[in-house]
Amino acid sequence: MKVLILGGTGMLGYPIALEFLKQGHEVVAAARSAAKLGPAFDDHVKLHLLPLDTASMNELAALMSGVDVVVQAFGADDRVVPAAPALPFFQKQLGGVTERVVLAARQAGVRRVVVLGSYFVTMHRLHPDWQLAQHHPYIAARLEQEERAFAAGEAENGLPCTDVMVLELPYIFGVTPGRTPFWKEVLFDRLKAMSFVMYPRGGSAVLTTRQVGEATLGAALRGEHRKAYAVADVNLTWNELVGLIRAELGQSTRVLNVPAFLTNLPLKQEAAKQQKEGQEGGLNLNFLARDIMHREFFVDAEKDRPVLGHQPGGVPEAIRETVRASYPELNSAD
């Protein structure tokens, strides 16, 4: 089987490529810029350079010629803060780009596409009363992305249909060679700077990059069209996750859980700052504490494992590895 990974040099594209290679498949990748990721990747993956978010359907279709499976592993995430209003930006960068990818795949005769999505859609589906898509432009765009991708695989234009599967992914830990984990800036540095940790009472499903690779291969081989698979390995409370990170940093693992109204104060200040500067985040900071930070975003980790085949275990080790990759001095201190 020949697979094309769009965003193949990224945090998720890299382990996906390794998993397909390990199982004897041919791998090609596309990314905006070149990267050296080590012999396991560099010596076996043909890399094409292309601005994927602006590439035309014809450019994408030419790249997909002779390919059996396409993995859509790139796109804007919730860290991006675009100009207000945020919804059109995320609709274009997620739904619009993915729709174009699937239509190009059909044009090229590709029969299967795996899209990497977000577990925010899982939580919206499990808890419609939370109104996550109504409150947060990023979640609304992720929901729309899935439907546009599925529909593009079925569009009646005289071409055979393409099966489209979505993996709804939670918190993911793991290391890409030569790159500082993004977790360093968004989480680790903040926890490292605290002499005493004050954090919300909530939690998240968690996964390793290895398991993302295994689940993507499983979806490519056994996934069903129009299925969105919630992928997880374990559910961790914030106290458990913070404890693992702080322990690897050599710091106290004690956590004081703060109420939502205290979490909300700095978030509302940041929301007002964004509004003044003409920006809007994909996650609405006025609702972030109540909707997400103080809730347990837990999923049934076993429900889709038989189809996807991602092997259990390794989350604590992946978290520790990610912390150490963020602070090389921890390794030299051993």
C-alpha atoms as a PDB file:
ATOM      1  CA  MET A   1       0.000   0.000   0.000  1.00  0.00           C
ATOM      2  CA  LYS A   2       1.219   3.497  -0.828  1.00  0.00           C
ATOM      3  CA  VAL A   3       0.306   6.297   1.565  1.00  0.00           C
ATOM      4  CA  LEU A   4       0.696  10.055   1.201  1.00  0.00           C
ATOM      5  CA  ILE A   5       0.915  12.006   4.459  1.00  0.00           C
ATOM      6  CA  LEU A   6       0.036  15.686   4.137  1.00  0.00           C
ATOM      7  CA  GLY A   7       1.914  17.442   6.903  1.00  0.00           C
ATOM      8  CA  GLY A   8       4.272  14.506   7.021  1.00  0.00           C
ATOM      9  CA  THR A   9       7.118  16.202   8.896  1.00  0.00           C
ATOM     10  CA  GLY A  10       4.964  17.428  11.777  1.00  0.00           C
ATOM     11  CA  MET A  11       4.471  16.146  15.303  1.00  0.00           C
ATOM     12  CA  LEU A  12       1.861  13.635  14.089  1.00  0.00           C
ATOM     13  CA  GLY A  13       2.948  13.100  10.492  1.00  0.00           C
ATOM     14  CA  TYR A  14       6.337  11.806  11.617  1.00  0.00           C
ATOM     15  CA  PRO A  15       5.119   8.924  13.853  1.00  0.00           C
ATOM     16  CA  ILE A  16       2.415   8.053  11.322  1.00  0.00           C
ATOM     17  CA  ALA A  17       5.090   7.681   8.644  1.00  0.00           C
ATOM     18  CA  LEU A  18       7.176   5.463  10.918  1.00  0.00           C
ATOM     19  CA  GLU A  19       4.221   3.185  11.657  1.00  0.00           C
ATOM     20  CA  PHE A  20       3.338   2.689   7.979  1.00  0.00           C
ATOM     21  CA  LEU A  21       6.999   2.018   7.188  1.00  0.00           C
ATOM     22  CA  LYS A  22       7.273  -0.475  10.034  1.00  0.00           C
ATOM     23  CA  GLN A  23       4.380  -2.435   8.559  1.00  0.00           C
ATOM     24  CA  GLY A  24       6.021  -2.565   5.123  1.00  0.00           C
ATOM     25  CA  HIS A  25       4.067   0.159   3.308  1.00  0.00           C
ATOM     26  CA  GLU A  26       5.457   2.757   0.915  1.00  0.00           C
ATOM     27  CA  VAL A  27       5.349   6.286   2.323  1.00  0.00           C
ATOM     28  CA  VAL A  28       5.528   9.664   0.632  1.00  0.00           C
ATOM     29  CA  ALA A  29       4.995  12.938   2.445  1.00  0.00           C
ATOM     30  CA  ALA A  30       4.289  16.573   1.705  1.00  0.00           C
ATOM     31  CA  ALA A  31       5.102  19.601   3.817  1.00  0.00           C
ATOM     32  CA  ARG A  32       5.678  23.333   3.458  1.00  0.00           C
ATOM     33  CA  SER A  33       9.390  23.129   4.256  1.00  0.00           C
ATOM     34  CA  ALA A  34      12.155  20.555   4.409  1.00  0.00           C
ATOM     35  CA  ALA A  35      13.118  18.830   7.654  1.00  0.00           C
ATOM     36  CA  LYS A  36      15.735  16.361   8.814  1.00  0.00           C
ATOM     37  CA  LEU A  37      14.090  13.842  11.116  1.00  0.00           C
ATOM     38  CA  GLY A  38      16.686  11.089  11.235  1.00  0.00           C
ATOM     39  CA  PRO A  39      17.527   8.069   9.057  1.00  0.00           C
ATOM     40  CA  ALA A  40      14.336   6.134   9.868  1.00  0.00           C
ATOM     41  CA  PHE A  41      12.351   8.878   8.112  1.00  0.00           C
ATOM     42  CA  ASP A  42      14.844  10.655   5.836  1.00  0.00           C
ATOM     43  CA  ASP A  43      16.153   7.493   4.140  1.00  0.00           C
ATOM     44  CA  HIS A  44      12.761   5.944   3.430  1.00  0.00           C
ATOM     45  CA  VAL A  45      10.221   8.734   2.874  1.00  0.00           C
ATOM     46  CA  LYS A  46      10.096  10.790  -0.322  1.00  0.00           C
ATOM     47  CA  LEU A  47       9.286  14.351   0.733  1.00  0.00           C
ATOM     48  CA  HIS A  48       7.528  16.846  -1.565  1.00  0.00           C
ATOM     49  CA  LEU A  49       7.564  20.554  -0.714  1.00  0.00           C
ATOM     50  CA  LEU A  50       4.224  22.280  -1.231  1.00  0.00           C
ATOM     51  CA  PRO A  51       2.245  25.021   0.592  1.00  0.00           C
ATOM     52  CA  LEU A  52      -0.591  22.649   1.436  1.00  0.00           C
ATOM     53  CA  ASP A  53      -3.053  25.231   2.725  1.00  0.00           C
ATOM     54  CA  THR A  54      -3.009  27.141  -0.564  1.00  0.00           C
ATOM     55  CA  ALA A  55      -2.295  24.326  -3.039  1.00  0.00           C
ATOM     56  CA  SER A  56      -4.870  23.920  -5.796  1.00  0.00           C
ATOM     57  CA  MET A  57      -6.900  20.778  -6.302  1.00  0.00           C
ATOM     58  CA  ASN A  58      -4.901  19.982  -9.427  1.00  0.00           C
ATOM     59  CA  GLU A  59      -1.592  20.343  -7.564  1.00  0.00           C
ATOM     60  CA  LEU A  60      -2.850  18.060  -4.805  1.00  0.00           C
ATOM     61  CA  ALA A  61      -4.264  15.537  -7.281  1.00  0.00           C
ATOM     62  CA  ALA A  62      -0.921  15.363  -9.121  1.00  0.00           C
ATOM     63  CA  LEU A  63       0.791  14.673  -5.800  1.00  0.00           C
ATOM     64  CA  MET A  64      -1.715  11.890  -5.106  1.00  0.00           C
ATOM     65  CA  SER A  65      -1.242  10.011  -8.357  1.00  0.00           C
ATOM     66  CA  GLY A  66      -0.767   6.289  -7.677  1.00  0.00           C
ATOM     67  CA  VAL A  67      -1.542   6.664  -3.968  1.00  0.00           C
ATOM     68  CA  ASP A  68      -3.877   4.260  -2.130  1.00  0.00           C
ATOM     69  CA  VAL A  69      -4.402   6.253   1.092  1.00  0.00           C
ATOM     70  CA  VAL A  70      -4.090   9.932   1.951  1.00  0.00           C
ATOM     71  CA  VAL A  71      -3.622  11.103   5.537  1.00  0.00           C
ATOM     72  CA  GLN A  72      -4.647  14.715   6.165  1.00  0.00           C
ATOM     73  CA  ALA A  73      -2.375  15.644   9.105  1.00  0.00           C
ATOM     74  CA  PHE A  74      -2.060  19.422   8.864  1.00  0.00           C
ATOM     75  CA  GLY A  75      -4.186  22.443   9.647  1.00  0.00           C
ATOM     76  CA  ALA A  76      -4.641  25.316  12.090  1.00  0.00           C
ATOM     77  CA  ASP A  77      -5.191  24.374  15.718  1.00  0.00           C
ATOM     78  CA  ASP A  78      -6.757  26.176  18.674  1.00  0.00           C
ATOM     79  CA  ARG A  79      -3.492  27.962  19.570  1.00  0.00           C
ATOM     80  CA  VAL A  80      -3.922  30.255  16.548  1.00  0.00           C
ATOM     81  CA  VAL A  81      -5.500  33.639  17.345  1.00  0.00           C
ATOM     82  CA  PRO A  82      -6.661  35.168  14.034  1.00  0.00           C
ATOM     83  CA  ALA A  83      -8.258  38.513  13.306  1.00  0.00           C
ATOM     84  CA  ALA A  84     -11.876  38.684  14.426  1.00  0.00           C
ATOM     85  CA  PRO A  85     -14.205  37.058  13.615  1.00  0.00           C
ATOM     86  CA  ALA A  86     -12.396  33.745  14.104  1.00  0.00           C
ATOM     87  CA  LEU A  87     -14.999  31.419  12.604  1.00  0.00           C
ATOM     88  CA  PRO A  88     -14.386  32.207   8.883  1.00  0.00           C
ATOM     89  CA  PHE A  89     -10.639  31.731   9.388  1.00  0.00           C
ATOM     90  CA  PHE A  90     -11.020  28.281  10.945  1.00  0.00           C
ATOM     91  CA  GLN A  91     -13.730  27.282   8.452  1.00  0.00           C
ATOM     92  CA  LYS A  92     -11.304  28.025   5.620  1.00  0.00           C
ATOM     93  CA  GLN A  93      -8.218  26.474   7.259  1.00  0.00           C
ATOM     94  CA  LEU A  94      -9.984  23.315   8.432  1.00  0.00           C
ATOM     95  CA  GLY A  95     -13.164  22.585   6.476  1.00  0.00           C
ATOM     96  CA  GLY A  96     -12.174  24.326   3.253  1.00  0.00           C
ATOM     97  CA  VAL A  97      -8.689  22.830   3.047  1.00  0.00           C
ATOM     98  CA  THR A  98      -9.858  19.329   3.991  1.00  0.00           C
ATOM     99  CA  GLU A  99     -12.715  19.413   1.501  1.00  0.00           C
ATOM    100  CA  ARG A 100     -10.224  20.320  -1.224  1.00  0.00           C
ATOM    101  CA  VAL A 101      -7.937  17.463  -0.146  1.00  0.00           C
ATOM    102  CA  VAL A 102     -10.749  14.897  -0.362  1.00  0.00           C
ATOM    103  CA  LEU A 103     -11.981  16.177  -3.727  1.00  0.00           C
ATOM    104  CA  ALA A 104      -8.423  16.030  -5.072  1.00  0.00           C
ATOM    105  CA  ALA A 105      -8.089  12.487  -3.742  1.00  0.00           C
ATOM    106  CA  ARG A 106     -11.210  11.459  -5.657  1.00  0.00           C
ATOM    107  CA  GLN A 107      -9.880  13.145  -8.790  1.00  0.00           C
ATOM    108  CA  ALA A 108      -6.634  11.165  -8.416  1.00  0.00           C
ATOM    109  CA  GLY A 109      -8.455   7.874  -7.823  1.00  0.00           C
ATOM    110  CA  VAL A 110      -7.512   7.560  -4.137  1.00  0.00           C
ATOM    111  CA  ARG A 111     -10.014   5.338  -2.402  1.00  0.00           C
ATOM    112  CA  ARG A 112      -9.373   6.136   1.271  1.00  0.00           C
ATOM    113  CA  VAL A 113      -8.625   9.324   3.233  1.00  0.00           C
ATOM    114  CA  VAL A 114      -7.907   9.550   6.974  1.00  0.00           C
ATOM    115  CA  VAL A 115      -8.420  13.003   8.515  1.00  0.00           C
ATOM    116  CA  LEU A 116      -6.882  13.939  11.854  1.00  0.00           C
ATOM    117  CA  GLY A 117      -9.505  15.839  13.806  1.00  0.00           C
ATOM    118  CA  SER A 118     -10.212  16.925  17.364  1.00  0.00           C
ATOM    119  CA  TYR A 119     -11.829  15.317  20.382  1.00  0.00           C
ATOM    120  CA  PHE A 120     -13.643  18.594  20.955  1.00  0.00           C
ATOM    121  CA  VAL A 121     -16.110  17.186  18.406  1.00  0.00           C
ATOM    122  CA  THR A 122     -16.335  13.984  20.464  1.00  0.00           C
ATOM    123  CA  MET A 123     -17.266  16.020  23.528  1.00  0.00           C
ATOM    124  CA  HIS A 124     -19.761  18.102  21.561  1.00  0.00           C
ATOM    125  CA  ARG A 125     -21.401  14.894  20.368  1.00  0.00           C
ATOM    126  CA  LEU A 126     -21.441  13.305  23.846  1.00  0.00           C
ATOM    127  CA  HIS A 127     -22.641  16.454  25.616  1.00  0.00           C
ATOM    128  CA  PRO A 128     -24.764  18.600  23.287  1.00  0.00           C
ATOM    129  CA  ASP A 129     -26.144  20.452  26.321  1.00  0.00           C
ATOM    130  CA  TRP A 130     -22.675  21.978  26.873  1.00  0.00           C
ATOM    131  CA  GLN A 131     -23.120  23.932  23.586  1.00  0.00           C
ATOM    132  CA  LEU A 132     -19.414  23.766  22.829  1.00  0.00           C
ATOM    133  CA  ALA A 133     -19.806  24.458  19.098  1.00  0.00           C
ATOM    134  CA  GLN A 134     -22.068  27.408  19.843  1.00  0.00           C
ATOM    135  CA  HIS A 135     -19.540  28.990  22.203  1.00  0.00           C
ATOM    136  CA  HIS A 136     -16.239  28.246  20.454  1.00  0.00           C
ATOM    137  CA  PRO A 137     -15.482  29.016  16.761  1.00  0.00           C
ATOM    138  CA  TYR A 138     -12.713  26.414  16.602  1.00  0.00           C
ATOM    139  CA  ILE A 139     -15.046  23.625  17.738  1.00  0.00           C
ATOM    140  CA  ALA A 140     -17.757  24.746  15.319  1.00  0.00           C
ATOM    141  CA  ALA A 141     -15.200  24.672  12.496  1.00  0.00           C
ATOM    142  CA  ARG A 142     -13.950  21.205  13.510  1.00  0.00           C
ATOM    143  CA  LEU A 143     -17.537  19.929  13.448  1.00  0.00           C
ATOM    144  CA  GLU A 144     -18.053  21.455  10.005  1.00  0.00           C
ATOM    145  CA  GLN A 145     -14.714  20.011   8.824  1.00  0.00           C
ATOM    146  CA  GLU A 146     -15.923  16.468   9.438  1.00  0.00           C
ATOM    147  CA  GLU A 147     -19.172  16.916   7.553  1.00  0.00           C
ATOM    148  CA  ARG A 148     -17.506  18.662   4.602  1.00  0.00           C
ATOM    149  CA  ALA A 149     -14.896  15.905   4.401  1.00  0.00           C
ATOM    150  CA  PHE A 150     -17.503  13.135   4.450  1.00  0.00           C
ATOM    151  CA  ALA A 151     -19.670  14.896   1.870  1.00  0.00           C
ATOM    152  CA  ALA A 152     -16.701  15.540  -0.433  1.00  0.00           C
ATOM    153  CA  GLY A 153     -16.061  11.810  -0.545  1.00  0.00           C
ATOM    154  CA  GLU A 154     -19.581  11.293  -1.882  1.00  0.00           C
ATOM    155  CA  ALA A 155     -20.063  14.276  -4.202  1.00  0.00           C
ATOM    156  CA  GLU A 156     -21.791  13.290  -7.426  1.00  0.00           C
ATOM    157  CA  ASN A 157     -19.386  14.373 -10.154  1.00  0.00           C
ATOM    158  CA  GLY A 158     -19.034  11.136 -12.071  1.00  0.00           C
ATOM    159  CA  LEU A 159     -16.109   9.875 -10.006  1.00  0.00           C
ATOM    160  CA  PRO A 160     -16.104   6.848  -7.690  1.00  0.00           C
ATOM    161  CA  CYS A 161     -16.625   7.627  -4.025  1.00  0.00           C
ATOM    162  CA  THR A 162     -13.734   7.911  -1.586  1.00  0.00           C
ATOM    163  CA  ASP A 163     -14.046   6.544   1.939  1.00  0.00           C
ATOM    164  CA  VAL A 164     -13.322   9.206   4.547  1.00  0.00           C
ATOM    165  CA  MET A 165     -12.571   8.435   8.194  1.00  0.00           C
ATOM    166  CA  VAL A 166     -11.837  10.949  10.970  1.00  0.00           C
ATOM    167  CA  LEU A 167      -9.707  10.376  14.062  1.00  0.00           C
ATOM    168  CA  GLU A 168     -10.823  12.659  16.888  1.00  0.00           C
ATOM    169  CA  LEU A 169      -7.619  13.187  18.855  1.00  0.00           C
ATOM    170  CA  PRO A 170      -7.119  14.403  22.459  1.00  0.00           C
ATOM    171  CA  TYR A 171      -3.975  15.551  24.313  1.00  0.00           C
ATOM    172  CA  ILE A 172      -0.958  13.894  22.647  1.00  0.00           C
ATOM    173  CA  PHE A 173       2.570  13.515  23.987  1.00  0.00           C
ATOM    174  CA  GLY A 174       5.699  12.379  22.181  1.00  0.00           C
ATOM    175  CA  VAL A 175       8.882  13.698  20.598  1.00  0.00           C
ATOM    176  CA  THR A 176       9.821  14.595  17.026  1.00  0.00           C
ATOM    177  CA  PRO A 177      13.589  14.590  16.411  1.00  0.00           C
ATOM    178  CA  GLY A 178      15.180  18.020  16.228  1.00  0.00           C
ATOM    179  CA  ARG A 179      12.086  19.882  17.392  1.00  0.00           C
ATOM    180  CA  THR A 180      11.201  21.426  20.732  1.00  0.00           C
ATOM    181  CA  PRO A 181       7.778  20.089  21.784  1.00  0.00           C
ATOM    182  CA  PHE A 182       5.049  22.736  21.548  1.00  0.00           C
ATOM    183  CA  TRP A 183       3.991  21.674  25.058  1.00  0.00           C
ATOM    184  CA  LYS A 184       7.043  23.497  26.435  1.00  0.00           C
ATOM    185  CA  GLU A 185       5.598  26.922  25.689  1.00  0.00           C
ATOM    186  CA  VAL A 186       1.902  26.223  26.202  1.00  0.00           C
ATOM    187  CA  LEU A 187       2.136  24.181  29.416  1.00  0.00           C
ATOM    188  CA  PHE A 188       5.519  23.087  30.743  1.00  0.00           C
ATOM    189  CA  ASP A 189       7.094  26.552  31.112  1.00  0.00           C
ATOM    190  CA  ARG A 190       4.094  27.770  33.079  1.00  0.00           C
ATOM    191  CA  LEU A 191       4.110  24.814  35.435  1.00  0.00           C
ATOM    192  CA  LYS A 192       7.892  25.037  35.839  1.00  0.00           C
ATOM    193  CA  ALA A 193       7.655  28.681  36.898  1.00  0.00           C
ATOM    194  CA  MET A 194       5.171  27.956  39.698  1.00  0.00           C
ATOM    195  CA  SER A 195       6.548  27.430  43.185  1.00  0.00           C
ATOM    196  CA  PHE A 196       3.122  26.072  44.077  1.00  0.00           C
ATOM    197  CA  VAL A 197       0.634  24.854  41.450  1.00  0.00           C
ATOM    198  CA  MET A 198      -2.930  26.160  41.375  1.00  0.00           C
ATOM    199  CA  TYR A 199      -4.959  24.452  38.671  1.00  0.00           C
ATOM    200  CA  PRO A 200      -8.583  23.707  37.718  1.00  0.00           C
ATOM    201  CA  ARG A 201     -10.316  20.498  38.702  1.00  0.00           C
ATOM    202  CA  GLY A 202     -10.899  18.699  35.423  1.00  0.00           C
ATOM    203  CA  GLY A 203      -9.063  16.407  33.051  1.00  0.00           C
ATOM    204  CA  SER A 204      -8.526  15.039  29.571  1.00  0.00           C
ATOM    205  CA  ALA A 205      -8.160  11.905  27.512  1.00  0.00           C
ATOM    206  CA  VAL A 206      -4.502  11.389  26.564  1.00  0.00           C
ATOM    207  CA  LEU A 207      -2.654   9.571  23.789  1.00  0.00           C
ATOM    208  CA  THR A 208       0.944   9.039  22.625  1.00  0.00           C
ATOM    209  CA  THR A 209       2.302   9.891  19.197  1.00  0.00           C
ATOM    210  CA  ARG A 210       3.081   6.194  18.693  1.00  0.00           C
ATOM    211  CA  GLN A 211      -0.571   5.360  19.243  1.00  0.00           C
ATOM    212  CA  VAL A 212      -1.628   8.049  16.754  1.00  0.00           C
ATOM    213  CA  GLY A 213       0.500   6.266  14.158  1.00  0.00           C
ATOM    214  CA  GLU A 214      -1.024   2.888  15.008  1.00  0.00           C
ATOM    215  CA  ALA A 215      -4.591   4.259  14.982  1.00  0.00           C
ATOM    216  CA  THR A 216      -4.057   5.998  11.641  1.00  0.00           C
ATOM    217  CA  LEU A 217      -2.843   2.765  10.072  1.00  0.00           C
ATOM    218  CA  GLY A 218      -5.841   0.943  11.570  1.00  0.00           C
ATOM    219  CA  ALA A 219      -8.258   3.509  10.156  1.00  0.00           C
ATOM    220  CA  ALA A 220      -6.612   3.264   6.731  1.00  0.00           C
ATOM    221  CA  LEU A 221      -6.972  -0.524   6.714  1.00  0.00           C
ATOM    222  CA  ARG A 222     -10.249  -1.128   8.562  1.00  0.00           C
ATOM    223  CA  GLY A 223     -12.064   2.182   9.012  1.00  0.00           C
ATOM    224  CA  GLU A 224     -15.584   2.721   7.686  1.00  0.00           C
ATOM    225  CA  HIS A 225     -16.688   5.671   5.585  1.00  0.00           C
ATOM    226  CA  ARG A 226     -18.354   8.465   7.577  1.00  0.00           C
ATOM    227  CA  LYS A 227     -17.046   7.105  10.854  1.00  0.00           C
ATOM    228  CA  ALA A 228     -15.455   9.444  13.390  1.00  0.00           C
ATOM    229  CA  TYR A 229     -13.321   7.493  15.851  1.00  0.00           C
ATOM    230  CA  ALA A 230     -12.589   8.848  19.332  1.00  0.00           C
ATOM    231  CA  VAL A 231      -8.983   7.823  19.971  1.00  0.00           C
ATOM    232  CA  ALA A 232      -7.563   7.698  23.493  1.00  0.00           C
ATOM    233  CA  ASP A 233      -5.474   5.499  25.742  1.00  0.00           C
ATOM    234  CA  VAL A 234      -6.077   6.823  29.254  1.00  0.00           C
ATOM    235  CA  ASN A 235      -8.117   9.519  30.966  1.00  0.00           C
ATOM    236  CA  LEU A 236      -6.094  11.702  33.354  1.00  0.00           C
ATOM    237  CA  THR A 237      -7.270  14.351  35.753  1.00  0.00           C
ATOM    238  CA  TRP A 238      -5.340  17.605  35.583  1.00  0.00           C
ATOM    239  CA  ASN A 239      -3.892  16.721  38.995  1.00  0.00           C
ATOM    240  CA  GLU A 240      -2.521  13.465  37.587  1.00  0.00           C
ATOM    241  CA  LEU A 241      -1.138  15.088  34.434  1.00  0.00           C
ATOM    242  CA  VAL A 242       0.409  18.016  36.306  1.00  0.00           C
ATOM    243  CA  GLY A 243       1.858  15.599  38.851  1.00  0.00           C
ATOM    244  CA  LEU A 244       3.644  13.598  36.153  1.00  0.00           C
ATOM    245  CA  ILE A 245       5.063  16.744  34.556  1.00  0.00           C
ATOM    246  CA  ARG A 246       6.194  18.309  37.820  1.00  0.00           C
ATOM    247  CA  ALA A 247       7.755  15.070  39.021  1.00  0.00           C
ATOM    248  CA  GLU A 248       9.893  14.910  35.869  1.00  0.00           C
ATOM    249  CA  LEU A 249      10.889  18.521  36.470  1.00  0.00           C
ATOM    250  CA  GLY A 250      11.991  17.582  39.975  1.00  0.00           C
ATOM    251  CA  GLN A 251       9.371  19.807  41.595  1.00  0.00           C
ATOM    252  CA  SER A 252       6.574  19.374  44.112  1.00  0.00           C
ATOM    253  CA  THR A 253       3.593  17.512  42.656  1.00  0.00           C
ATOM    254  CA  ARG A 254       1.051  18.965  45.055  1.00  0.00           C
ATOM    255  CA  VAL A 255      -1.819  20.790  43.309  1.00  0.00           C
ATOM    256  CA  LEU A 256      -4.344  23.197  44.787  1.00  0.00           C
ATOM    257  CA  ASN A 257      -7.568  23.085  42.799  1.00  0.00           C
ATOM    258  CA  VAL A 258      -9.067  26.525  42.247  1.00  0.00           C
ATOM    259  CA  PRO A 259     -12.746  27.311  41.543  1.00  0.00           C
ATOM    260  CA  ALA A 260     -13.891  28.302  38.074  1.00  0.00           C
ATOM    261  CA  PHE A 261     -14.509  31.962  38.930  1.00  0.00           C
ATOM    262  CA  LEU A 262     -10.832  32.425  39.855  1.00  0.00           C
ATOM    263  CA  THR A 263      -9.699  30.712  36.650  1.00  0.00           C
ATOM    264  CA  ASN A 264     -12.054  32.965  34.737  1.00  0.00           C
ATOM    265  CA  LEU A 265     -10.621  36.307  35.872  1.00  0.00           C
ATOM    266  CA  PRO A 266      -7.361  36.316  33.853  1.00  0.00           C
ATOM    267  CA  LEU A 267      -9.121  34.658  30.908  1.00  0.00           C
ATOM    268  CA  LYS A 268     -11.674  37.491  30.722  1.00  0.00           C
ATOM    269  CA  GLN A 269      -8.845  40.025  30.861  1.00  0.00           C
ATOM    270  CA  GLU A 270      -7.115  38.302  27.950  1.00  0.00           C
ATOM    271  CA  ALA A 271     -10.423  38.161  26.033  1.00  0.00           C
ATOM    272  CA  ALA A 272     -10.832  41.929  26.477  1.00  0.00           C
ATOM    273  CA  LYS A 273      -7.251  42.442  25.249  1.00  0.00           C
ATOM    274  CA  GLN A 274      -7.932  40.328  22.142  1.00  0.00           C
ATOM    275  CA  GLN A 275     -11.094  42.281  21.410  1.00  0.00           C
ATOM    276  CA  LYS A 276      -9.259  45.601  21.734  1.00  0.00           C
ATOM    277  CA  GLU A 277      -6.613  44.364  19.275  1.00  0.00           C
ATOM    278  CA  GLY A 278      -9.218  43.106  16.796  1.00  0.00           C
ATOM    279  CA  GLN A 279      -8.477  39.435  17.418  1.00  0.00           C
ATOM    280  CA  GLU A 280     -10.537  36.420  18.453  1.00  0.00           C
ATOM    281  CA  GLY A 281      -9.313  33.026  19.589  1.00  0.00           C
ATOM    282  CA  GLY A 282     -10.765  29.779  18.357  1.00  0.00           C
ATOM    283  CA  LEU A 283     -11.643  28.943  21.941  1.00  0.00           C
ATOM    284  CA  ASN A 284     -13.731  31.727  23.472  1.00  0.00           C
ATOM    285  CA  LEU A 285     -11.865  32.791  26.614  1.00  0.00           C
ATOM    286  CA  ASN A 286     -15.084  33.999  28.242  1.00  0.00           C
ATOM    287  CA  PHE A 287     -16.353  30.398  28.248  1.00  0.00           C
ATOM    288  CA  LEU A 288     -13.069  28.478  28.443  1.00  0.00           C
ATOM    289  CA  ALA A 289     -12.977  27.897  32.204  1.00  0.00           C
ATOM    290  CA  ARG A 290     -16.559  26.659  32.488  1.00  0.00           C
ATOM    291  CA  ASP A 291     -16.767  24.786  29.190  1.00  0.00           C
ATOM    292  CA  ILE A 292     -13.379  23.056  29.098  1.00  0.00           C
ATOM    293  CA  MET A 293     -10.855  23.660  31.867  1.00  0.00           C
ATOM    294  CA  HIS A 294     -13.120  22.644  34.738  1.00  0.00           C
ATOM    295  CA  ARG A 295     -14.656  19.635  33.004  1.00  0.00           C
ATOM    296  CA  GLU A 296     -13.442  16.087  32.522  1.00  0.00           C
ATOM    297  CA  PHE A 297     -13.009  15.598  28.786  1.00  0.00           C
ATOM    298  CA  PHE A 298     -12.921  11.831  29.134  1.00  0.00           C
ATOM    299  CA  VAL A 299     -13.772   9.308  26.424  1.00  0.00           C
ATOM    300  CA  ASP A 300     -14.180   5.533  26.262  1.00  0.00           C
ATOM    301  CA  ALA A 301     -10.648   4.519  25.365  1.00  0.00           C
ATOM    302  CA  GLU A 302     -11.637   0.935  24.532  1.00  0.00           C
ATOM    303  CA  LYS A 303     -14.618   1.586  22.254  1.00  0.00           C
ATOM    304  CA  ASP A 304     -12.709   1.980  18.978  1.00  0.00           C
ATOM    305  CA  ARG A 305      -9.493   0.140  19.868  1.00  0.00           C
ATOM    306  CA  PRO A 306     -10.587  -3.121  18.144  1.00  0.00           C
ATOM    307  CA  VAL A 307     -10.899  -1.291  14.806  1.00  0.00           C
ATOM    308  CA  LEU A 308      -7.927   1.042  15.131  1.00  0.00           C
ATOM    309  CA  GLY A 309      -5.547  -1.374  16.821  1.00  0.00           C
ATOM    310  CA  HIS A 310      -3.554   1.156  18.859  1.00  0.00           C
ATOM    311  CA  GLN A 311      -1.785  -0.729  21.624  1.00  0.00           C
ATOM    312  CA  PRO A 312      -2.377   0.386  25.225  1.00  0.00           C
ATOM    313  CA  GLY A 313       0.299   1.744  27.496  1.00  0.00           C
ATOM    314  CA  GLY A 314       3.118   4.247  27.422  1.00  0.00           C
ATOM    315  CA  VAL A 315       1.399   7.543  28.260  1.00  0.00           C
ATOM    316  CA  PRO A 316       3.392   8.312  31.444  1.00  0.00           C
ATOM    317  CA  GLU A 317       6.633   7.489  29.648  1.00  0.00           C
ATOM    318  CA  ALA A 318       5.669   9.707  26.683  1.00  0.00           C
ATOM    319  CA  ILE A 319       4.903  12.615  29.021  1.00  0.00           C
ATOM    320  CA  ARG A 320       8.275  12.229  30.737  1.00  0.00           C
ATOM    321  CA  GLU A 321      10.055  11.969  27.376  1.00  0.00           C
ATOM    322  CA  THR A 322       8.317  15.133  26.152  1.00  0.00           C
ATOM    323  CA  VAL A 323       9.340  17.037  29.292  1.00  0.00           C
ATOM    324  CA  ARG A 324      12.968  15.936  28.883  1.00  0.00           C
ATOM    325  CA  ALA A 325      12.998  16.902  25.210  1.00  0.00           C
ATOM    326  CA  SER A 326      11.819  20.358  26.269  1.00  0.00           C
ATOM    327  CA  TYR A 327      14.627  20.836  28.793  1.00  0.00           C
ATOM    328  CA  PRO A 328      17.873  19.136  27.653  1.00  0.00           C
ATOM    329  CA  GLU A 329      19.522  20.163  30.922  1.00  0.00           C
ATOM    330  CA  LEU A 330      17.396  17.547  32.694  1.00  0.00           C
ATOM    331  CA  ASN A 331      19.205  14.854  30.719  1.00  0.00           C
ATOM    332  CA  SER A 332      22.658  16.292  31.436  1.00  0.00           C
ATOM    333  CA  ALA A 333      21.822  16.373  35.153  1.00  0.00           C
ATOM    334  CA  ASP A 334      21.438  12.558  35.293  1.00  0.00           C
END
